Amino acid sequence: MSSKSDWLSITEFANRLCLSRHTVEGLVKTGGLKVFNISPGKERPTYRLPESELDTALTIMRTSNGSGGGCDAETAVRDPE
């Protein structure tokens, strides 16, 4: 079973890749990333992305514009301490 730390909010996901929240939302809308609504209602959804999607996002970013995100490779995807 996945632990809570395996799931990231859109903002946390964006921060880990040095991207804007808007960019991550765009990747989700185009179907490039898996996202899950963890809230029971539809009025105000609460989305989480599996941490495993970080690599997918980096691949998409590299193939779409030659960059792996908004920060250098050492900083991107590093687990914040």
Protein backbone atom coordinates (compact mmCIF):
# COMPACT_ATOMS: atom_id res chain seq x y z
CA MET A 1 0.00 0.00 0.00
CA SER A 2 1.20 3.50 -0.79
CA SER A 3 2.17 5.81 2.01
CA LYS A 4 1.02 9.42 2.25
CA SER A 5 4.49 10.61 1.15
CA ASP A 6 4.10 8.75 -2.16
CA TRP A 7 1.38 11.21 -3.23
CA LEU A 8 1.92 14.87 -4.08
CA SER A 9 -0.44 17.78 -4.51
CA ILE A 10 -0.19 19.62 -7.82
CA THR A 11 1.74 22.42 -6.07
CA GLU A 12 4.16 20.00 -4.39
CA PHE A 13 4.66 18.20 -7.71
CA ALA A 14 5.35 21.48 -9.50
CA ASN A 15 7.80 22.60 -6.80
CA ARG A 16 9.75 19.34 -7.02
CA LEU A 17 10.27 19.95 -10.75
CA CYS A 18 10.72 23.73 -10.50
CA LEU A 19 7.67 24.19 -12.72
CA SER A 20 4.59 26.33 -12.33
CA ARG A 21 1.35 24.83 -11.09
CA HIS A 22 -0.18 25.90 -14.40
CA THR A 23 2.35 23.80 -16.36
CA VAL A 24 1.59 20.69 -14.29
CA GLU A 25 -2.16 21.25 -14.69
CA GLY A 26 -1.59 21.43 -18.46
CA LEU A 27 0.26 18.10 -18.43
CA VAL A 28 -2.63 16.57 -16.50
CA LYS A 29 -5.26 18.00 -18.88
CA THR A 30 -3.49 16.65 -21.95
CA GLY A 31 -3.42 13.19 -20.39
CA GLY A 32 0.33 13.10 -19.94
CA LEU A 33 0.20 12.53 -16.18
CA LYS A 34 -1.92 10.32 -13.96
CA VAL A 35 -3.91 12.27 -11.40
CA PHE A 36 -6.39 11.08 -8.81
CA ASN A 37 -9.24 12.97 -7.17
CA ILE A 38 -9.08 12.01 -3.49
CA SER A 39 -12.08 14.05 -2.37
CA PRO A 40 -15.54 12.51 -2.31
CA GLY A 41 -17.35 15.47 -3.87
CA LYS A 42 -17.19 16.92 -7.35
CA GLU A 43 -17.67 20.56 -6.36
CA ARG A 44 -14.12 21.09 -5.13
CA PRO A 45 -11.87 18.22 -6.19
CA THR A 46 -8.61 17.51 -4.38
CA TYR A 47 -6.07 16.07 -6.76
CA ARG A 48 -2.95 14.05 -5.98
CA LEU A 49 -0.30 12.71 -8.29
CA PRO A 50 1.76 9.62 -7.54
CA GLU A 51 5.39 10.47 -6.91
CA SER A 52 6.26 7.96 -9.65
CA GLU A 53 4.87 10.45 -12.20
CA LEU A 54 7.86 12.77 -11.61
CA ASP A 55 9.93 10.76 -14.10
CA THR A 56 7.07 10.83 -16.61
CA ALA A 57 6.82 14.60 -16.30
CA LEU A 58 10.58 15.01 -16.80
CA THR A 59 10.42 12.86 -19.93
CA ILE A 60 7.52 14.88 -21.32
CA MET A 61 9.30 18.16 -20.60
CA ARG A 62 12.55 16.97 -22.20
CA THR A 63 10.84 15.76 -25.37
CA SER A 64 8.60 18.80 -25.72
CA ASN A 65 11.16 21.57 -25.24
CA GLY A 66 14.54 20.00 -24.60
CA SER A 67 14.47 20.93 -20.92
CA GLY A 68 13.87 18.81 -17.87
CA GLY A 69 12.00 21.47 -15.98
CA GLY A 70 12.76 24.85 -14.53
CA CYS A 71 15.80 23.89 -12.45
CA ASP A 72 19.01 21.96 -12.94
CA ALA A 73 19.00 18.16 -12.92
CA GLU A 74 20.52 18.00 -9.44
CA THR A 75 17.73 20.09 -7.95
CA ALA A 76 14.81 18.58 -9.90
CA VAL A 77 13.01 15.67 -8.26
CA ARG A 78 15.16 15.81 -5.15
CA ASP A 79 13.08 14.95 -2.10
CA PRO A 80 12.82 18.06 0.09
CA GLU A 81 14.32 17.66 3.54
